[in-house]
Amino acid sequence: MKRKGIGFYLRIYGKILAQDLKSKMSYRADFIISTVGMIFTNIAGFVSFWILFHNFPSINGWSYYEMLFLYGFSLVSLTPVQCLFDNNWNLRMYVYSGDFIKYCFRPINLFFYYQSEIFDIKGLGQFAFGIGTLAYAWGKIGLPITPLILLKTVIFLLTASLVMIALQNAAAATCFWIQNSFYVLDLTLKFKDYAKYPVTIFNPVFRFIFTFIIPIAFIAYYPSLVILRPDEIPILSWISPLIGGLFFWLSYKFWMYGAMKYSGTGS
């Protein structure tokens, strides 16, 4: 069989996305309510962040606006997992009911076909809120705006997002072996709340865990240092694109390994 290229998958994804958006827009009230809910969730998170940190001039060498920069950076970098990989939350239900078997007989990549079935459009509200927060903090800190810096920002935001995608892929794929896999996925989601803080504010044990075991420090802290503190960039910041790509590839292999072992209800 001839191997399909990226152009083929982009065309297929465009068609799937169009159908998914049409189905969502047919229930406009539900779409509006869920989008407004997402916006208010982000506003509530921002207010909590403001209350917690606004009265402190700095925390462990980090100013309020630098912390706000990390907060906005994390929101933007988490948008792809919200929009493009939200179907991971349904994986366990498809596996337990036996309906996942239908994905195994399509002549396209199984992982791509399953993940592309749902686009969570309300995640775009999170994206807009994150961009606004990032831009506001950027201006308050006085960071320069040049084509090179903007290019670095885009690259490191995209590669940072691969870490959270990888964590969610791996957590969701545990349903191929663990019956109560929801708790694994839910725990992974809760860890993302720590991504918006500089890893240096944690004690050495958690600093090690969040860097090398559950690498949420690569969602915002390490990649953002390339923009935020260009004069003191650690090696882990420069290799964060490699780390993101590696973790995504490993999570993809783990997800596919579980899917290939699947044989219907009772597997």
C-alpha atoms as a PDB file:
ATOM      1  CA  MET A   1       0.000   0.000   0.000  1.00  0.00           C
ATOM      2  CA  LYS A   2       1.297   3.417  -0.956  1.00  0.00           C
ATOM      3  CA  ARG A   3       2.281   5.482   2.069  1.00  0.00           C
ATOM      4  CA  LYS A   4       0.098   8.557   2.507  1.00  0.00           C
ATOM      5  CA  GLY A   5       1.805  11.933   2.864  1.00  0.00           C
ATOM      6  CA  ILE A   6       1.096  14.964   5.008  1.00  0.00           C
ATOM      7  CA  GLY A   7      -0.904  16.602   2.205  1.00  0.00           C
ATOM      8  CA  PHE A   8      -3.356  13.693   2.253  1.00  0.00           C
ATOM      9  CA  TYR A   9      -3.855  13.964   6.009  1.00  0.00           C
ATOM     10  CA  LEU A  10      -4.290  17.741   5.877  1.00  0.00           C
ATOM     11  CA  ARG A  11      -7.043  17.364   3.268  1.00  0.00           C
ATOM     12  CA  ILE A  12      -8.748  14.646   5.298  1.00  0.00           C
ATOM     13  CA  TYR A  13      -8.475  16.709   8.469  1.00  0.00           C
ATOM     14  CA  GLY A  14      -9.999  19.735   6.742  1.00  0.00           C
ATOM     15  CA  LYS A  15     -13.036  17.681   5.730  1.00  0.00           C
ATOM     16  CA  ILE A  16     -13.439  16.102   9.180  1.00  0.00           C
ATOM     17  CA  LEU A  17     -13.057  19.492  10.853  1.00  0.00           C
ATOM     18  CA  ALA A  18     -15.687  21.075   8.609  1.00  0.00           C
ATOM     19  CA  GLN A  19     -18.205  18.350   9.445  1.00  0.00           C
ATOM     20  CA  ASP A  20     -17.459  18.576  13.177  1.00  0.00           C
ATOM     21  CA  LEU A  21     -17.921  22.364  13.196  1.00  0.00           C
ATOM     22  CA  LYS A  22     -21.193  22.058  11.266  1.00  0.00           C
ATOM     23  CA  SER A  23     -22.534  19.607  13.818  1.00  0.00           C
ATOM     24  CA  LYS A  24     -21.525  21.895  16.695  1.00  0.00           C
ATOM     25  CA  MET A  25     -23.057  24.984  15.128  1.00  0.00           C
ATOM     26  CA  SER A  26     -26.371  23.173  14.716  1.00  0.00           C
ATOM     27  CA  TYR A  27     -26.615  23.360  18.514  1.00  0.00           C
ATOM     28  CA  ARG A  28     -25.705  27.023  18.881  1.00  0.00           C
ATOM     29  CA  ALA A  29     -27.036  27.457  22.410  1.00  0.00           C
ATOM     30  CA  ASP A  30     -24.828  24.631  23.668  1.00  0.00           C
ATOM     31  CA  PHE A  31     -21.857  26.066  21.778  1.00  0.00           C
ATOM     32  CA  ILE A  32     -22.391  29.582  23.199  1.00  0.00           C
ATOM     33  CA  ILE A  33     -22.911  28.334  26.756  1.00  0.00           C
ATOM     34  CA  SER A  34     -19.814  26.119  26.689  1.00  0.00           C
ATOM     35  CA  THR A  35     -17.697  28.900  25.158  1.00  0.00           C
ATOM     36  CA  VAL A  36     -18.867  31.453  27.728  1.00  0.00           C
ATOM     37  CA  GLY A  37     -18.213  28.856  30.437  1.00  0.00           C
ATOM     38  CA  MET A  38     -14.641  28.404  29.211  1.00  0.00           C
ATOM     39  CA  ILE A  39     -14.092  32.191  29.205  1.00  0.00           C
ATOM     40  CA  PHE A  40     -15.402  32.554  32.755  1.00  0.00           C
ATOM     41  CA  THR A  41     -13.263  29.610  33.869  1.00  0.00           C
ATOM     42  CA  ASN A  42     -10.185  31.414  32.581  1.00  0.00           C
ATOM     43  CA  ILE A  43     -11.310  34.679  34.151  1.00  0.00           C
ATOM     44  CA  ALA A  44     -11.777  32.927  37.495  1.00  0.00           C
ATOM     45  CA  GLY A  45      -8.316  31.407  37.169  1.00  0.00           C
ATOM     46  CA  PHE A  46      -6.839  34.808  36.376  1.00  0.00           C
ATOM     47  CA  VAL A  47      -8.582  36.443  39.351  1.00  0.00           C
ATOM     48  CA  SER A  48      -7.273  33.715  41.666  1.00  0.00           C
ATOM     49  CA  PHE A  49      -3.794  34.250  40.264  1.00  0.00           C
ATOM     50  CA  TRP A  50      -4.094  38.036  40.720  1.00  0.00           C
ATOM     51  CA  ILE A  51      -5.279  37.711  44.314  1.00  0.00           C
ATOM     52  CA  LEU A  52      -2.503  35.256  45.120  1.00  0.00           C
ATOM     53  CA  PHE A  53       0.430  37.157  43.629  1.00  0.00           C
ATOM     54  CA  HIS A  54      -0.498  40.808  43.083  1.00  0.00           C
ATOM     55  CA  ASN A  55       0.347  41.890  46.637  1.00  0.00           C
ATOM     56  CA  PHE A  56       3.843  40.424  46.446  1.00  0.00           C
ATOM     57  CA  PRO A  57       6.503  42.453  44.574  1.00  0.00           C
ATOM     58  CA  SER A  58       8.411  39.247  43.822  1.00  0.00           C
ATOM     59  CA  ILE A  59       8.515  35.544  44.669  1.00  0.00           C
ATOM     60  CA  ASN A  60      11.901  33.851  44.752  1.00  0.00           C
ATOM     61  CA  GLY A  61      13.281  36.432  42.323  1.00  0.00           C
ATOM     62  CA  TRP A  62      10.239  36.420  40.007  1.00  0.00           C
ATOM     63  CA  SER A  63       8.273  39.637  39.617  1.00  0.00           C
ATOM     64  CA  TYR A  64       4.484  39.710  39.369  1.00  0.00           C
ATOM     65  CA  TYR A  65       4.545  40.472  35.638  1.00  0.00           C
ATOM     66  CA  GLU A  66       7.064  37.708  34.963  1.00  0.00           C
ATOM     67  CA  MET A  67       4.711  35.308  36.764  1.00  0.00           C
ATOM     68  CA  LEU A  68       1.865  36.684  34.655  1.00  0.00           C
ATOM     69  CA  PHE A  69       3.947  36.076  31.528  1.00  0.00           C
ATOM     70  CA  LEU A  70       4.320  32.417  32.525  1.00  0.00           C
ATOM     71  CA  TYR A  71       0.587  32.219  33.183  1.00  0.00           C
ATOM     72  CA  GLY A  72      -0.245  33.528  29.703  1.00  0.00           C
ATOM     73  CA  PHE A  73       2.439  31.358  28.114  1.00  0.00           C
ATOM     74  CA  SER A  74       0.975  28.254  29.742  1.00  0.00           C
ATOM     75  CA  LEU A  75      -2.573  29.086  28.572  1.00  0.00           C
ATOM     76  CA  VAL A  76      -1.442  29.481  24.968  1.00  0.00           C
ATOM     77  CA  SER A  77       0.751  26.369  24.988  1.00  0.00           C
ATOM     78  CA  LEU A  78      -2.114  24.299  26.446  1.00  0.00           C
ATOM     79  CA  THR A  79      -4.528  25.339  23.684  1.00  0.00           C
ATOM     80  CA  PRO A  80      -3.540  22.604  21.163  1.00  0.00           C
ATOM     81  CA  VAL A  81      -4.255  19.798  23.638  1.00  0.00           C
ATOM     82  CA  GLN A  82      -7.595  21.440  24.445  1.00  0.00           C
ATOM     83  CA  CYS A  83      -8.633  21.912  20.809  1.00  0.00           C
ATOM     84  CA  LEU A  84      -7.058  18.998  18.965  1.00  0.00           C
ATOM     85  CA  PHE A  85      -6.768  16.139  21.463  1.00  0.00           C
ATOM     86  CA  ASP A  86      -9.940  16.471  23.531  1.00  0.00           C
ATOM     87  CA  ASN A  87     -11.168  13.118  22.219  1.00  0.00           C
ATOM     88  CA  ASN A  88      -8.674  11.454  24.563  1.00  0.00           C
ATOM     89  CA  TRP A  89     -11.280  11.973  27.298  1.00  0.00           C
ATOM     90  CA  ASN A  90     -13.685   9.693  25.417  1.00  0.00           C
ATOM     91  CA  LEU A  91     -11.149   6.966  24.694  1.00  0.00           C
ATOM     92  CA  ARG A  92     -11.879   4.857  27.767  1.00  0.00           C
ATOM     93  CA  MET A  93     -15.615   4.819  26.965  1.00  0.00           C
ATOM     94  CA  TYR A  94     -14.990   3.659  23.393  1.00  0.00           C
ATOM     95  CA  VAL A  95     -12.620   0.971  24.647  1.00  0.00           C
ATOM     96  CA  TYR A  96     -14.940  -0.355  27.359  1.00  0.00           C
ATOM     97  CA  SER A  97     -18.021  -0.368  25.119  1.00  0.00           C
ATOM     98  CA  GLY A  98     -16.194  -2.039  22.256  1.00  0.00           C
ATOM     99  CA  ASP A  99     -16.921   0.842  19.866  1.00  0.00           C
ATOM    100  CA  PHE A 100     -13.223   1.607  19.491  1.00  0.00           C
ATOM    101  CA  ILE A 101     -12.964  -1.367  17.123  1.00  0.00           C
ATOM    102  CA  LYS A 102     -14.522   0.755  14.345  1.00  0.00           C
ATOM    103  CA  TYR A 103     -11.372   2.906  14.209  1.00  0.00           C
ATOM    104  CA  CYS A 104      -9.173  -0.118  13.570  1.00  0.00           C
ATOM    105  CA  PHE A 105     -10.462  -0.819  10.070  1.00  0.00           C
ATOM    106  CA  ARG A 106      -9.890   2.502   8.332  1.00  0.00           C
ATOM    107  CA  PRO A 107      -7.065   2.735   5.758  1.00  0.00           C
ATOM    108  CA  ILE A 108      -5.484   5.725   7.525  1.00  0.00           C
ATOM    109  CA  ASN A 109      -3.391   6.233  10.626  1.00  0.00           C
ATOM    110  CA  LEU A 110      -5.434   5.093  13.634  1.00  0.00           C
ATOM    111  CA  PHE A 111      -4.155   7.787  15.994  1.00  0.00           C
ATOM    112  CA  PHE A 112      -4.818  10.559  13.478  1.00  0.00           C
ATOM    113  CA  TYR A 113      -8.300   9.293  12.651  1.00  0.00           C
ATOM    114  CA  TYR A 114      -9.372   9.023  16.274  1.00  0.00           C
ATOM    115  CA  GLN A 115      -7.957  12.377  17.423  1.00  0.00           C
ATOM    116  CA  SER A 116      -9.214  14.323  14.398  1.00  0.00           C
ATOM    117  CA  GLU A 117     -12.816  13.309  15.024  1.00  0.00           C
ATOM    118  CA  ILE A 118     -13.338  16.127  17.562  1.00  0.00           C
ATOM    119  CA  PHE A 119     -12.175  19.736  17.534  1.00  0.00           C
ATOM    120  CA  ASP A 120     -12.970  21.523  20.808  1.00  0.00           C
ATOM    121  CA  ILE A 121     -13.612  25.010  19.462  1.00  0.00           C
ATOM    122  CA  LYS A 122     -14.171  26.547  22.896  1.00  0.00           C
ATOM    123  CA  GLY A 123     -10.442  26.105  23.458  1.00  0.00           C
ATOM    124  CA  LEU A 124      -9.997  29.092  21.143  1.00  0.00           C
ATOM    125  CA  GLY A 125     -11.420  31.254  23.942  1.00  0.00           C
ATOM    126  CA  GLN A 126      -8.581  30.043  26.144  1.00  0.00           C
ATOM    127  CA  PHE A 127      -6.150  30.849  23.349  1.00  0.00           C
ATOM    128  CA  ALA A 128      -7.437  34.422  23.015  1.00  0.00           C
ATOM    129  CA  PHE A 129      -7.329  34.929  26.784  1.00  0.00           C
ATOM    130  CA  GLY A 130      -3.783  33.555  26.917  1.00  0.00           C
ATOM    131  CA  ILE A 131      -2.587  35.782  24.064  1.00  0.00           C
ATOM    132  CA  GLY A 132      -4.082  38.831  25.789  1.00  0.00           C
ATOM    133  CA  THR A 133      -2.424  37.950  29.103  1.00  0.00           C
ATOM    134  CA  LEU A 134       0.901  37.264  27.408  1.00  0.00           C
ATOM    135  CA  ALA A 135       0.795  40.536  25.461  1.00  0.00           C
ATOM    136  CA  TYR A 136      -0.112  42.537  28.571  1.00  0.00           C
ATOM    137  CA  ALA A 137       2.727  41.030  30.623  1.00  0.00           C
ATOM    138  CA  TRP A 138       5.114  41.427  27.672  1.00  0.00           C
ATOM    139  CA  GLY A 139       4.411  45.154  27.550  1.00  0.00           C
ATOM    140  CA  LYS A 140       4.684  45.635  31.318  1.00  0.00           C
ATOM    141  CA  ILE A 141       8.048  43.849  31.438  1.00  0.00           C
ATOM    142  CA  GLY A 142       9.276  45.894  28.490  1.00  0.00           C
ATOM    143  CA  LEU A 143      10.426  43.003  26.328  1.00  0.00           C
ATOM    144  CA  PRO A 144      11.507  43.991  22.812  1.00  0.00           C
ATOM    145  CA  ILE A 145       9.451  42.986  19.780  1.00  0.00           C
ATOM    146  CA  THR A 146      11.492  41.801  16.807  1.00  0.00           C
ATOM    147  CA  PRO A 147      10.812  39.226  14.075  1.00  0.00           C
ATOM    148  CA  LEU A 148      13.400  36.885  15.628  1.00  0.00           C
ATOM    149  CA  ILE A 149      11.856  37.073  19.101  1.00  0.00           C
ATOM    150  CA  LEU A 150       8.359  36.523  17.703  1.00  0.00           C
ATOM    151  CA  LEU A 151       9.627  33.513  15.733  1.00  0.00           C
ATOM    152  CA  LYS A 152      11.247  32.083  18.867  1.00  0.00           C
ATOM    153  CA  THR A 153       8.006  32.628  20.776  1.00  0.00           C
ATOM    154  CA  VAL A 154       5.953  30.718  18.206  1.00  0.00           C
ATOM    155  CA  ILE A 155       8.457  27.856  18.002  1.00  0.00           C
ATOM    156  CA  PHE A 156       8.808  27.439  21.760  1.00  0.00           C
ATOM    157  CA  LEU A 157       5.059  27.740  22.324  1.00  0.00           C
ATOM    158  CA  LEU A 158       4.413  24.966  19.803  1.00  0.00           C
ATOM    159  CA  THR A 159       7.081  22.674  21.185  1.00  0.00           C
ATOM    160  CA  ALA A 160       5.978  23.375  24.770  1.00  0.00           C
ATOM    161  CA  SER A 161       2.472  22.255  23.847  1.00  0.00           C
ATOM    162  CA  LEU A 162       3.842  18.867  22.776  1.00  0.00           C
ATOM    163  CA  VAL A 163       4.680  18.052  26.399  1.00  0.00           C
ATOM    164  CA  MET A 164       1.094  18.382  27.636  1.00  0.00           C
ATOM    165  CA  ILE A 165      -0.186  16.554  24.565  1.00  0.00           C
ATOM    166  CA  ALA A 166       2.249  13.744  25.331  1.00  0.00           C
ATOM    167  CA  LEU A 167       1.176  13.541  28.970  1.00  0.00           C
ATOM    168  CA  GLN A 168      -2.485  13.378  27.999  1.00  0.00           C
ATOM    169  CA  ASN A 169      -1.883  10.811  25.251  1.00  0.00           C
ATOM    170  CA  ALA A 170      -0.009   8.542  27.636  1.00  0.00           C
ATOM    171  CA  ALA A 171      -2.567   8.955  30.430  1.00  0.00           C
ATOM    172  CA  ALA A 172      -5.502   8.284  28.095  1.00  0.00           C
ATOM    173  CA  ALA A 173      -3.824   5.206  26.625  1.00  0.00           C
ATOM    174  CA  THR A 174      -3.677   3.524  30.044  1.00  0.00           C
ATOM    175  CA  CYS A 175      -7.345   2.635  29.465  1.00  0.00           C
ATOM    176  CA  PHE A 176      -6.159  -0.207  27.226  1.00  0.00           C
ATOM    177  CA  TRP A 177      -4.864  -1.900  30.385  1.00  0.00           C
ATOM    178  CA  ILE A 178      -6.439  -0.136  33.419  1.00  0.00           C
ATOM    179  CA  GLN A 179     -10.174  -0.122  34.045  1.00  0.00           C
ATOM    180  CA  ASN A 180     -10.199   3.031  36.203  1.00  0.00           C
ATOM    181  CA  SER A 181      -7.977   4.997  33.828  1.00  0.00           C
ATOM    182  CA  PHE A 182     -10.081   8.136  34.267  1.00  0.00           C
ATOM    183  CA  TYR A 183      -8.237   8.879  37.494  1.00  0.00           C
ATOM    184  CA  VAL A 184      -4.889   8.699  35.701  1.00  0.00           C
ATOM    185  CA  LEU A 185      -6.118  11.154  33.075  1.00  0.00           C
ATOM    186  CA  ASP A 186      -7.702  13.431  35.665  1.00  0.00           C
ATOM    187  CA  LEU A 187      -4.498  13.462  37.731  1.00  0.00           C
ATOM    188  CA  THR A 188      -2.527  14.433  34.636  1.00  0.00           C
ATOM    189  CA  LEU A 189      -4.926  17.307  33.991  1.00  0.00           C
ATOM    190  CA  LYS A 190      -4.489  18.581  37.546  1.00  0.00           C
ATOM    191  CA  PHE A 191      -0.707  18.640  37.127  1.00  0.00           C
ATOM    192  CA  LYS A 192      -1.056  21.254  34.380  1.00  0.00           C
ATOM    193  CA  ASP A 193      -2.102  23.775  37.031  1.00  0.00           C
ATOM    194  CA  TYR A 194       1.496  23.765  38.263  1.00  0.00           C
ATOM    195  CA  ALA A 195       2.839  24.544  34.787  1.00  0.00           C
ATOM    196  CA  LYS A 196       2.135  28.266  35.168  1.00  0.00           C
ATOM    197  CA  TYR A 197       4.602  28.639  38.046  1.00  0.00           C
ATOM    198  CA  PRO A 198       8.402  28.862  37.811  1.00  0.00           C
ATOM    199  CA  VAL A 199       9.827  25.510  38.833  1.00  0.00           C
ATOM    200  CA  THR A 200      12.362  27.276  41.062  1.00  0.00           C
ATOM    201  CA  ILE A 201       9.670  28.111  43.643  1.00  0.00           C
ATOM    202  CA  PHE A 202       9.283  24.396  44.472  1.00  0.00           C
ATOM    203  CA  ASN A 203      11.567  22.414  46.735  1.00  0.00           C
ATOM    204  CA  PRO A 204      14.322  20.312  45.070  1.00  0.00           C
ATOM    205  CA  VAL A 205      12.267  17.095  45.146  1.00  0.00           C
ATOM    206  CA  PHE A 206       9.321  18.550  43.238  1.00  0.00           C
ATOM    207  CA  ARG A 207      11.687  20.486  41.009  1.00  0.00           C
ATOM    208  CA  PHE A 208      13.237  17.174  39.939  1.00  0.00           C
ATOM    209  CA  ILE A 209       9.839  15.498  39.493  1.00  0.00           C
ATOM    210  CA  PHE A 210       8.415  18.359  37.411  1.00  0.00           C
ATOM    211  CA  THR A 211      11.512  18.429  35.224  1.00  0.00           C
ATOM    212  CA  PHE A 212      12.460  14.782  34.642  1.00  0.00           C
ATOM    213  CA  ILE A 213       9.496  12.566  35.647  1.00  0.00           C
ATOM    214  CA  ILE A 214       6.319  14.557  34.994  1.00  0.00           C
ATOM    215  CA  PRO A 215       7.924  17.265  32.839  1.00  0.00           C
ATOM    216  CA  ILE A 216       5.386  20.054  33.257  1.00  0.00           C
ATOM    217  CA  ALA A 217       8.255  22.533  33.682  1.00  0.00           C
ATOM    218  CA  PHE A 218       8.650  22.237  29.891  1.00  0.00           C
ATOM    219  CA  ILE A 219       5.088  23.496  29.308  1.00  0.00           C
ATOM    220  CA  ALA A 220       5.907  27.082  30.274  1.00  0.00           C
ATOM    221  CA  TYR A 221       8.926  27.615  32.523  1.00  0.00           C
ATOM    222  CA  TYR A 222      11.881  26.346  30.475  1.00  0.00           C
ATOM    223  CA  PRO A 223      10.675  27.395  26.993  1.00  0.00           C
ATOM    224  CA  SER A 224       9.528  30.843  28.175  1.00  0.00           C
ATOM    225  CA  LEU A 225      12.993  31.641  29.579  1.00  0.00           C
ATOM    226  CA  VAL A 226      14.256  31.957  26.007  1.00  0.00           C
ATOM    227  CA  ILE A 227      12.029  35.035  25.651  1.00  0.00           C
ATOM    228  CA  LEU A 228      11.685  36.195  29.230  1.00  0.00           C
ATOM    229  CA  ARG A 229      15.283  36.006  30.430  1.00  0.00           C
ATOM    230  CA  PRO A 230      17.512  35.812  27.326  1.00  0.00           C
ATOM    231  CA  ASP A 231      20.677  36.528  29.322  1.00  0.00           C
ATOM    232  CA  GLU A 232      20.343  33.498  31.593  1.00  0.00           C
ATOM    233  CA  ILE A 233      18.979  30.669  29.476  1.00  0.00           C
ATOM    234  CA  PRO A 234      19.732  27.175  30.862  1.00  0.00           C
ATOM    235  CA  ILE A 235      20.518  24.280  28.543  1.00  0.00           C
ATOM    236  CA  LEU A 236      17.152  22.695  29.386  1.00  0.00           C
ATOM    237  CA  SER A 237      15.441  25.690  27.758  1.00  0.00           C
ATOM    238  CA  TRP A 238      17.367  25.292  24.509  1.00  0.00           C
ATOM    239  CA  ILE A 239      16.646  21.577  24.294  1.00  0.00           C
ATOM    240  CA  SER A 240      12.960  21.947  25.234  1.00  0.00           C
ATOM    241  CA  PRO A 241      11.899  21.518  21.554  1.00  0.00           C
ATOM    242  CA  LEU A 242      13.806  18.223  21.515  1.00  0.00           C
ATOM    243  CA  ILE A 243      12.218  17.204  24.833  1.00  0.00           C
ATOM    244  CA  GLY A 244       8.733  18.080  23.557  1.00  0.00           C
ATOM    245  CA  GLY A 245       9.212  16.179  20.317  1.00  0.00           C
ATOM    246  CA  LEU A 246      10.672  13.153  22.096  1.00  0.00           C
ATOM    247  CA  PHE A 247       7.872  12.940  24.664  1.00  0.00           C
ATOM    248  CA  PHE A 248       5.225  13.330  21.969  1.00  0.00           C
ATOM    249  CA  TRP A 249       6.781  10.554  19.883  1.00  0.00           C
ATOM    250  CA  LEU A 250       7.006   8.232  22.907  1.00  0.00           C
ATOM    251  CA  SER A 251       3.397   8.956  23.873  1.00  0.00           C
ATOM    252  CA  TYR A 252       2.288   8.290  20.301  1.00  0.00           C
ATOM    253  CA  LYS A 253       4.094   4.943  20.286  1.00  0.00           C
ATOM    254  CA  PHE A 254       2.579   4.043  23.657  1.00  0.00           C
ATOM    255  CA  TRP A 255      -0.924   5.018  22.476  1.00  0.00           C
ATOM    256  CA  MET A 256      -0.547   3.018  19.250  1.00  0.00           C
ATOM    257  CA  TYR A 257       0.876   0.033  21.117  1.00  0.00           C
ATOM    258  CA  GLY A 258      -2.242  -0.094  23.281  1.00  0.00           C
ATOM    259  CA  ALA A 259      -4.515   0.403  20.271  1.00  0.00           C
ATOM    260  CA  MET A 260      -2.831  -2.415  18.349  1.00  0.00           C
ATOM    261  CA  LYS A 261      -3.305  -4.742  21.337  1.00  0.00           C
ATOM    262  CA  TYR A 262      -7.003  -3.886  21.499  1.00  0.00           C
ATOM    263  CA  SER A 263      -9.345  -6.630  20.333  1.00  0.00           C
ATOM    264  CA  GLY A 264     -12.780  -5.428  21.398  1.00  0.00           C
ATOM    265  CA  THR A 265     -14.762  -5.629  24.616  1.00  0.00           C
ATOM    266  CA  GLY A 266     -13.001  -7.608  27.283  1.00  0.00           C
ATOM    267  CA  SER A 267      -9.493  -6.915  26.000  1.00  0.00           C
END
